[in-house]
Amino acid sequence: MDEKISILKIFKYLIRRIAFLLPPSKLKNLTYSITGISVGKNVFIGDGVRFIDGYKTNHIKLEDNSVLSPGCILISHASTGNKIYDQEYNLIQSGKIVIGEFAWIGSGAVVMPDVIMGSRSILGANSFLNKKIKENAIWAGSPAKFIKKNIKS
């Protein structure tokens, strides 16, 4: 069974490398969806966006019309890779990430596990988000903090 899992991970890794190199397009979105990322309609995935989810299916969901600007990193699963070390020091972080409809993540932002960005919310460039964001809210900073209500919704 472990052999099948490792072959699947290798397959997903190779497909993601191809997707990473593609320009923003429907083909890029389709390629990422093959690897287990849920990608809605009209989603923009910019150049250099990274998805770190341990190749788990549906750990990252991008709802319709969401925007991931270049250089974003979405981390839904993180560990050191050493099971003994991870268990002894409780280092494994895992949880789903949902980016709501018309939500926008600025360039270079990092999104951690267990984050839900509500519809029409905005995360500023180079921000670090580890909290849930309600809809129509603008957040920025490291760690991200509430800035104001999005009045253009």
N, C-alpha and C. Protein backbone atom coordinates (compact mmCIF):
# COMPACT_ATOMS: atom_id res chain seq x y z
N MET A 1 0.83 -1.21 0.00
CA MET A 1 0.00 0.00 0.00
C MET A 1 0.86 1.26 0.00
N ASP A 2 1.96 1.27 0.77
CA ASP A 2 2.84 2.43 0.81
C ASP A 2 3.42 2.73 -0.57
N GLU A 3 3.68 1.68 -1.34
CA GLU A 3 4.25 1.87 -2.68
C GLU A 3 3.26 2.63 -3.57
N LYS A 4 1.96 2.29 -3.50
CA LYS A 4 0.96 2.99 -4.30
C LYS A 4 0.85 4.44 -3.88
N ILE A 5 0.90 4.69 -2.58
CA ILE A 5 0.81 6.06 -2.09
C ILE A 5 2.01 6.86 -2.58
N SER A 6 3.19 6.30 -2.52
CA SER A 6 4.37 7.04 -2.95
C SER A 6 4.35 7.29 -4.46
N ILE A 7 3.84 6.37 -5.25
CA ILE A 7 3.72 6.58 -6.69
C ILE A 7 2.71 7.69 -6.97
N LEU A 8 1.60 7.72 -6.24
CA LEU A 8 0.61 8.77 -6.39
C LEU A 8 1.20 10.13 -6.03
N LYS A 9 1.96 10.19 -4.95
CA LYS A 9 2.60 11.45 -4.56
C LYS A 9 3.60 11.92 -5.61
N ILE A 10 4.33 11.00 -6.16
CA ILE A 10 5.28 11.36 -7.22
C ILE A 10 4.54 11.89 -8.43
N PHE A 11 3.44 11.25 -8.80
CA PHE A 11 2.62 11.71 -9.92
C PHE A 11 2.10 13.12 -9.66
N LYS A 12 1.54 13.35 -8.47
CA LYS A 12 1.02 14.67 -8.13
C LYS A 12 2.12 15.71 -8.11
N TYR A 13 3.29 15.33 -7.61
CA TYR A 13 4.43 16.25 -7.59
C TYR A 13 4.80 16.68 -9.01
N LEU A 14 4.90 15.73 -9.91
CA LEU A 14 5.27 16.04 -11.29
C LEU A 14 4.23 16.91 -11.99
N ILE A 15 2.95 16.60 -11.76
CA ILE A 15 1.88 17.40 -12.36
C ILE A 15 1.91 18.83 -11.80
N ARG A 16 2.16 18.97 -10.51
CA ARG A 16 2.23 20.31 -9.92
C ARG A 16 3.41 21.10 -10.45
N ARG A 17 4.52 20.43 -10.71
CA ARG A 17 5.68 21.12 -11.28
C ARG A 17 5.32 21.68 -12.67
N ILE A 18 4.58 20.89 -13.43
CA ILE A 18 4.12 21.36 -14.75
C ILE A 18 3.18 22.55 -14.57
N ALA A 19 2.21 22.43 -13.66
CA ALA A 19 1.26 23.52 -13.42
C ALA A 19 1.98 24.79 -12.99
N PHE A 20 2.99 24.65 -12.15
CA PHE A 20 3.74 25.79 -11.65
C PHE A 20 4.37 26.58 -12.80
N LEU A 21 4.80 25.87 -13.83
CA LEU A 21 5.47 26.51 -14.96
C LEU A 21 4.52 27.12 -15.98
N LEU A 22 3.26 26.74 -15.93
CA LEU A 22 2.29 27.26 -16.89
C LEU A 22 1.90 28.70 -16.55
N PRO A 23 1.59 29.51 -17.57
CA PRO A 23 1.09 30.86 -17.28
C PRO A 23 -0.34 30.76 -16.73
N PRO A 24 -0.81 31.80 -16.02
CA PRO A 24 -2.19 31.77 -15.52
C PRO A 24 -3.17 31.48 -16.65
N SER A 25 -3.97 30.42 -16.47
CA SER A 25 -4.89 30.00 -17.53
C SER A 25 -5.82 28.91 -17.01
N LYS A 26 -6.81 28.57 -17.82
CA LYS A 26 -7.69 27.47 -17.48
C LYS A 26 -6.92 26.16 -17.42
N LEU A 27 -5.91 26.01 -18.27
CA LEU A 27 -5.08 24.81 -18.27
C LEU A 27 -4.32 24.68 -16.96
N LYS A 28 -3.79 25.79 -16.46
CA LYS A 28 -3.08 25.78 -15.17
C LYS A 28 -4.04 25.34 -14.06
N ASN A 29 -5.25 25.90 -14.05
CA ASN A 29 -6.24 25.56 -13.04
C ASN A 29 -6.62 24.08 -13.12
N LEU A 30 -6.84 23.58 -14.33
CA LEU A 30 -7.18 22.17 -14.53
C LEU A 30 -6.05 21.27 -14.03
N THR A 31 -4.83 21.64 -14.33
CA THR A 31 -3.68 20.84 -13.91
C THR A 31 -3.58 20.77 -12.39
N TYR A 32 -3.81 21.90 -11.71
CA TYR A 32 -3.79 21.87 -10.25
C TYR A 32 -4.96 21.04 -9.71
N SER A 33 -6.10 21.11 -10.34
CA SER A 33 -7.26 20.34 -9.85
C SER A 33 -7.01 18.83 -9.97
N ILE A 34 -6.22 18.40 -10.93
CA ILE A 34 -5.87 16.98 -11.07
C ILE A 34 -5.11 16.49 -9.84
N THR A 35 -4.38 17.39 -9.20
CA THR A 35 -3.56 17.00 -8.05
C THR A 35 -4.30 17.08 -6.72
N GLY A 36 -5.59 17.42 -6.73
CA GLY A 36 -6.37 17.39 -5.50
C GLY A 36 -6.77 18.74 -4.95
N ILE A 37 -6.41 19.82 -5.62
CA ILE A 37 -6.81 21.15 -5.19
C ILE A 37 -8.16 21.45 -5.84
N SER A 38 -9.11 21.90 -5.05
CA SER A 38 -10.43 22.22 -5.57
C SER A 38 -10.39 23.64 -6.15
N VAL A 39 -10.54 23.75 -7.47
CA VAL A 39 -10.44 25.03 -8.15
C VAL A 39 -11.78 25.36 -8.81
N GLY A 40 -12.40 26.48 -8.39
CA GLY A 40 -13.68 26.90 -8.95
C GLY A 40 -13.53 27.55 -10.31
N LYS A 41 -14.62 28.13 -10.79
CA LYS A 41 -14.64 28.79 -12.09
C LYS A 41 -13.98 30.17 -12.01
N ASN A 42 -13.31 30.54 -13.08
CA ASN A 42 -12.69 31.86 -13.23
C ASN A 42 -11.71 32.21 -12.10
N VAL A 43 -11.02 31.22 -11.58
CA VAL A 43 -10.01 31.46 -10.55
C VAL A 43 -8.72 31.89 -11.22
N PHE A 44 -8.05 32.89 -10.65
CA PHE A 44 -6.76 33.33 -11.16
C PHE A 44 -5.67 32.84 -10.22
N ILE A 45 -4.77 32.02 -10.74
CA ILE A 45 -3.61 31.55 -9.99
C ILE A 45 -2.38 32.14 -10.65
N GLY A 46 -1.77 33.12 -9.99
CA GLY A 46 -0.63 33.84 -10.56
C GLY A 46 0.64 32.99 -10.63
N ASP A 47 1.64 33.57 -11.26
CA ASP A 47 2.94 32.91 -11.38
C ASP A 47 3.57 32.71 -10.00
N GLY A 48 4.21 31.58 -9.81
CA GLY A 48 4.96 31.32 -8.59
C GLY A 48 4.14 31.00 -7.36
N VAL A 49 2.86 30.71 -7.52
CA VAL A 49 2.03 30.35 -6.37
C VAL A 49 2.38 28.93 -5.95
N ARG A 50 2.53 28.71 -4.65
CA ARG A 50 2.88 27.39 -4.11
C ARG A 50 1.74 26.86 -3.25
N PHE A 51 1.46 25.57 -3.41
CA PHE A 51 0.47 24.88 -2.59
C PHE A 51 1.21 23.79 -1.82
N ILE A 52 1.15 23.85 -0.50
CA ILE A 52 1.80 22.84 0.33
C ILE A 52 0.71 22.18 1.15
N ASP A 53 0.34 20.98 0.75
CA ASP A 53 -0.77 20.28 1.39
C ASP A 53 -0.49 18.80 1.59
N GLY A 54 0.74 18.38 1.44
CA GLY A 54 1.06 16.96 1.57
C GLY A 54 0.38 16.14 0.49
N TYR A 55 -0.04 16.79 -0.59
CA TYR A 55 -0.73 16.16 -1.71
C TYR A 55 -2.03 15.49 -1.28
N LYS A 56 -2.66 16.05 -0.26
CA LYS A 56 -3.94 15.53 0.21
C LYS A 56 -5.07 16.16 -0.62
N THR A 57 -6.07 15.37 -0.96
CA THR A 57 -7.18 15.85 -1.78
C THR A 57 -8.11 16.75 -0.99
N ASN A 58 -8.51 17.85 -1.58
CA ASN A 58 -9.47 18.81 -1.03
C ASN A 58 -9.04 19.46 0.28
N HIS A 59 -7.76 19.60 0.52
CA HIS A 59 -7.30 20.36 1.67
C HIS A 59 -7.26 21.84 1.36
N ILE A 60 -7.22 22.17 0.05
CA ILE A 60 -7.22 23.57 -0.38
C ILE A 60 -8.37 23.74 -1.37
N LYS A 61 -9.24 24.73 -1.07
CA LYS A 61 -10.39 24.99 -1.94
C LYS A 61 -10.37 26.45 -2.37
N LEU A 62 -10.37 26.67 -3.67
CA LEU A 62 -10.41 28.01 -4.24
C LEU A 62 -11.77 28.18 -4.89
N GLU A 63 -12.62 28.99 -4.29
CA GLU A 63 -13.97 29.17 -4.81
C GLU A 63 -13.98 30.08 -6.02
N ASP A 64 -15.11 30.12 -6.71
CA ASP A 64 -15.26 30.86 -7.96
C ASP A 64 -14.75 32.30 -7.85
N ASN A 65 -14.06 32.73 -8.91
CA ASN A 65 -13.59 34.12 -9.07
C ASN A 65 -12.59 34.58 -8.02
N SER A 66 -11.96 33.67 -7.30
CA SER A 66 -10.93 34.08 -6.34
C SER A 66 -9.62 34.37 -7.08
N VAL A 67 -8.76 35.16 -6.44
CA VAL A 67 -7.50 35.58 -7.06
C VAL A 67 -6.34 35.29 -6.12
N LEU A 68 -5.35 34.55 -6.62
CA LEU A 68 -4.10 34.32 -5.90
C LEU A 68 -3.01 35.03 -6.69
N SER A 69 -2.52 36.14 -6.16
CA SER A 69 -1.51 36.93 -6.85
C SER A 69 -0.18 36.19 -6.86
N PRO A 70 0.74 36.61 -7.73
CA PRO A 70 2.02 35.91 -7.84
C PRO A 70 2.77 35.78 -6.51
N GLY A 71 3.38 34.62 -6.32
CA GLY A 71 4.23 34.37 -5.17
C GLY A 71 3.53 34.01 -3.88
N CYS A 72 2.23 33.77 -3.91
CA CYS A 72 1.51 33.36 -2.70
C CYS A 72 1.92 31.95 -2.30
N ILE A 73 1.79 31.66 -1.02
CA ILE A 73 2.04 30.31 -0.52
C ILE A 73 0.86 29.92 0.37
N LEU A 74 0.21 28.80 0.02
CA LEU A 74 -0.89 28.27 0.82
C LEU A 74 -0.42 26.97 1.45
N ILE A 75 -0.35 26.93 2.78
CA ILE A 75 0.17 25.78 3.50
C ILE A 75 -0.96 25.16 4.32
N SER A 76 -1.45 24.00 3.89
CA SER A 76 -2.51 23.35 4.67
C SER A 76 -1.98 22.15 5.45
N HIS A 77 -0.76 21.74 5.17
CA HIS A 77 -0.17 20.61 5.90
C HIS A 77 1.34 20.83 5.99
N ALA A 78 1.85 20.86 7.21
CA ALA A 78 3.28 21.07 7.40
C ALA A 78 3.82 20.14 8.47
N SER A 79 4.96 19.56 8.18
CA SER A 79 5.67 18.73 9.15
C SER A 79 7.14 18.71 8.79
N THR A 80 7.96 18.20 9.68
CA THR A 80 9.40 18.13 9.41
C THR A 80 9.75 16.95 8.51
N GLY A 81 8.85 15.98 8.40
CA GLY A 81 9.14 14.78 7.62
C GLY A 81 9.69 13.66 8.49
N ASN A 82 10.01 13.98 9.73
CA ASN A 82 10.52 12.99 10.68
C ASN A 82 9.39 12.67 11.66
N LYS A 83 8.78 11.47 11.51
CA LYS A 83 7.60 11.12 12.32
C LYS A 83 7.87 11.17 13.81
N ILE A 84 9.01 10.67 14.25
CA ILE A 84 9.33 10.65 15.67
C ILE A 84 9.46 12.08 16.21
N TYR A 85 10.18 12.90 15.50
CA TYR A 85 10.39 14.30 15.89
C TYR A 85 9.06 15.06 15.90
N ASP A 86 8.25 14.86 14.84
CA ASP A 86 6.95 15.53 14.76
C ASP A 86 6.05 15.15 15.92
N GLN A 87 6.00 13.86 16.27
CA GLN A 87 5.13 13.40 17.35
C GLN A 87 5.65 13.86 18.71
N GLU A 88 6.96 13.77 18.92
CA GLU A 88 7.53 14.14 20.21
C GLU A 88 7.32 15.62 20.53
N TYR A 89 7.46 16.47 19.52
CA TYR A 89 7.35 17.90 19.74
C TYR A 89 6.05 18.50 19.21
N ASN A 90 5.13 17.64 18.75
CA ASN A 90 3.82 18.06 18.25
C ASN A 90 3.95 19.16 17.18
N LEU A 91 4.75 18.88 16.15
CA LEU A 91 5.05 19.88 15.13
C LEU A 91 4.14 19.83 13.91
N ILE A 92 3.34 18.79 13.77
CA ILE A 92 2.50 18.66 12.59
C ILE A 92 1.36 19.68 12.66
N GLN A 93 1.22 20.45 11.59
CA GLN A 93 0.11 21.37 11.45
C GLN A 93 -0.67 20.95 10.22
N SER A 94 -1.96 20.78 10.37
CA SER A 94 -2.77 20.35 9.24
C SER A 94 -4.18 20.89 9.39
N GLY A 95 -4.73 21.36 8.30
CA GLY A 95 -6.09 21.87 8.30
C GLY A 95 -6.44 22.40 6.93
N LYS A 96 -7.71 22.54 6.67
CA LYS A 96 -8.16 22.98 5.35
C LYS A 96 -7.99 24.49 5.19
N ILE A 97 -7.86 24.89 3.94
CA ILE A 97 -7.84 26.30 3.56
C ILE A 97 -8.95 26.50 2.54
N VAL A 98 -9.80 27.51 2.78
CA VAL A 98 -10.86 27.85 1.83
C VAL A 98 -10.73 29.33 1.49
N ILE A 99 -10.61 29.60 0.21
CA ILE A 99 -10.56 30.97 -0.27
C ILE A 99 -11.90 31.25 -0.93
N GLY A 100 -12.68 32.17 -0.34
CA GLY A 100 -14.05 32.43 -0.76
C GLY A 100 -14.18 33.09 -2.12
N GLU A 101 -15.43 33.17 -2.59
CA GLU A 101 -15.71 33.78 -3.89
C GLU A 101 -15.26 35.24 -3.90
N PHE A 102 -14.62 35.63 -4.98
CA PHE A 102 -14.13 36.99 -5.20
C PHE A 102 -13.10 37.44 -4.16
N ALA A 103 -12.55 36.51 -3.37
CA ALA A 103 -11.50 36.87 -2.41
C ALA A 103 -10.19 37.07 -3.17
N TRP A 104 -9.31 37.88 -2.61
CA TRP A 104 -8.08 38.25 -3.29
C TRP A 104 -6.93 38.16 -2.30
N ILE A 105 -5.90 37.40 -2.66
CA ILE A 105 -4.70 37.29 -1.85
C ILE A 105 -3.59 38.03 -2.57
N GLY A 106 -2.98 39.00 -1.89
CA GLY A 106 -1.92 39.82 -2.48
C GLY A 106 -0.62 39.05 -2.68
N SER A 107 0.24 39.60 -3.51
CA SER A 107 1.53 38.98 -3.84
C SER A 107 2.36 38.68 -2.61
N GLY A 108 2.93 37.48 -2.59
CA GLY A 108 3.85 37.09 -1.53
C GLY A 108 3.21 36.75 -0.20
N ALA A 109 1.90 36.73 -0.12
CA ALA A 109 1.23 36.42 1.14
C ALA A 109 1.34 34.93 1.46
N VAL A 110 1.33 34.61 2.75
CA VAL A 110 1.39 33.23 3.22
C VAL A 110 0.10 32.94 4.00
N VAL A 111 -0.56 31.84 3.65
CA VAL A 111 -1.80 31.43 4.32
C VAL A 111 -1.54 30.09 5.00
N MET A 112 -1.81 30.00 6.28
CA MET A 112 -1.54 28.81 7.08
C MET A 112 -2.77 27.90 7.18
N PRO A 113 -2.63 26.71 7.80
CA PRO A 113 -3.76 25.78 7.93
C PRO A 113 -4.93 26.36 8.72
N ASP A 114 -6.12 25.81 8.48
CA ASP A 114 -7.36 26.19 9.18
C ASP A 114 -7.77 27.63 8.93
N VAL A 115 -7.59 28.10 7.72
CA VAL A 115 -7.98 29.46 7.36
C VAL A 115 -9.13 29.41 6.37
N ILE A 116 -10.14 30.23 6.64
CA ILE A 116 -11.24 30.43 5.70
C ILE A 116 -11.30 31.92 5.43
N MET A 117 -11.13 32.29 4.17
CA MET A 117 -11.28 33.69 3.77
C MET A 117 -12.68 33.85 3.22
N GLY A 118 -13.46 34.70 3.84
CA GLY A 118 -14.82 34.91 3.40
C GLY A 118 -14.90 35.57 2.03
N SER A 119 -16.07 35.53 1.43
CA SER A 119 -16.29 36.13 0.11
C SER A 119 -15.91 37.60 0.11
N ARG A 120 -15.29 38.04 -0.96
CA ARG A 120 -14.91 39.43 -1.19
C ARG A 120 -13.95 39.99 -0.15
N SER A 121 -13.22 39.12 0.52
CA SER A 121 -12.22 39.59 1.47
C SER A 121 -10.89 39.76 0.74
N ILE A 122 -10.01 40.57 1.33
CA ILE A 122 -8.72 40.88 0.72
C ILE A 122 -7.62 40.66 1.76
N LEU A 123 -6.55 40.01 1.34
CA LEU A 123 -5.35 39.85 2.17
C LEU A 123 -4.22 40.61 1.48
N GLY A 124 -3.63 41.57 2.18
CA GLY A 124 -2.60 42.42 1.60
C GLY A 124 -1.34 41.66 1.21
N ALA A 125 -0.55 42.27 0.35
CA ALA A 125 0.71 41.69 -0.12
C ALA A 125 1.66 41.45 1.05
N ASN A 126 2.41 40.37 0.98
CA ASN A 126 3.41 39.99 1.97
C ASN A 126 2.85 39.81 3.38
N SER A 127 1.59 39.49 3.48
CA SER A 127 0.96 39.26 4.78
C SER A 127 1.08 37.80 5.18
N PHE A 128 0.91 37.55 6.48
CA PHE A 128 0.94 36.20 7.04
C PHE A 128 -0.39 35.97 7.74
N LEU A 129 -1.21 35.06 7.19
CA LEU A 129 -2.55 34.85 7.72
C LEU A 129 -2.67 33.50 8.40
N ASN A 130 -3.09 33.52 9.67
CA ASN A 130 -3.30 32.28 10.41
C ASN A 130 -4.65 32.30 11.14
N LYS A 131 -5.57 33.13 10.68
CA LYS A 131 -6.90 33.26 11.29
C LYS A 131 -7.97 33.21 10.21
N LYS A 132 -9.20 32.99 10.64
CA LYS A 132 -10.32 33.03 9.72
C LYS A 132 -10.71 34.49 9.49
N ILE A 133 -11.06 34.81 8.24
CA ILE A 133 -11.46 36.16 7.87
C ILE A 133 -12.92 36.15 7.46
N LYS A 134 -13.70 37.06 8.01
CA LYS A 134 -15.11 37.18 7.62
C LYS A 134 -15.18 37.80 6.23
N GLU A 135 -16.35 37.71 5.62
CA GLU A 135 -16.51 38.27 4.27
C GLU A 135 -16.42 39.79 4.31
N ASN A 136 -16.04 40.36 3.17
CA ASN A 136 -15.95 41.81 2.98
C ASN A 136 -14.99 42.49 3.95
N ALA A 137 -13.89 41.84 4.29
CA ALA A 137 -12.92 42.41 5.21
C ALA A 137 -11.55 42.52 4.54
N ILE A 138 -10.80 43.54 4.92
CA ILE A 138 -9.44 43.73 4.42
C ILE A 138 -8.49 43.51 5.58
N TRP A 139 -7.53 42.61 5.36
CA TRP A 139 -6.52 42.27 6.36
C TRP A 139 -5.15 42.45 5.75
N ALA A 140 -4.16 42.81 6.58
CA ALA A 140 -2.79 42.93 6.10
C ALA A 140 -1.83 42.88 7.28
N GLY A 141 -0.57 42.59 6.98
CA GLY A 141 0.48 42.59 7.99
C GLY A 141 0.98 41.19 8.29
N SER A 142 1.96 41.17 9.18
CA SER A 142 2.56 39.90 9.58
C SER A 142 2.75 39.89 11.09
N PRO A 143 1.85 39.26 11.83
CA PRO A 143 0.68 38.52 11.38
C PRO A 143 -0.42 39.48 10.90
N ALA A 144 -1.28 38.97 10.04
CA ALA A 144 -2.34 39.80 9.46
C ALA A 144 -3.31 40.28 10.52
N LYS A 145 -3.70 41.53 10.38
CA LYS A 145 -4.67 42.14 11.29
C LYS A 145 -5.76 42.80 10.46
N PHE A 146 -6.93 42.93 11.07
CA PHE A 146 -8.06 43.58 10.40
C PHE A 146 -7.71 45.04 10.14
N ILE A 147 -7.94 45.48 8.90
CA ILE A 147 -7.67 46.88 8.53
C ILE A 147 -9.00 47.64 8.47
N LYS A 148 -9.92 47.15 7.64
CA LYS A 148 -11.23 47.80 7.54
C LYS A 148 -12.18 46.92 6.75
N LYS A 149 -13.42 47.33 6.72
CA LYS A 149 -14.45 46.65 5.95
C LYS A 149 -14.27 47.01 4.48
N ASN A 150 -14.45 46.03 3.61
CA ASN A 150 -14.34 46.24 2.18
C ASN A 150 -15.63 46.89 1.69
N ILE A 151 -15.58 48.20 1.40
CA ILE A 151 -16.80 48.91 1.04
C ILE A 151 -17.19 48.74 -0.43
N LYS A 152 -16.31 48.18 -1.23
CA LYS A 152 -16.61 48.01 -2.66
C LYS A 152 -17.24 46.66 -2.95
N SER A 153 -17.95 46.10 -2.00
CA SER A 153 -18.52 44.77 -2.19
C SER A 153 -19.92 44.83 -2.72
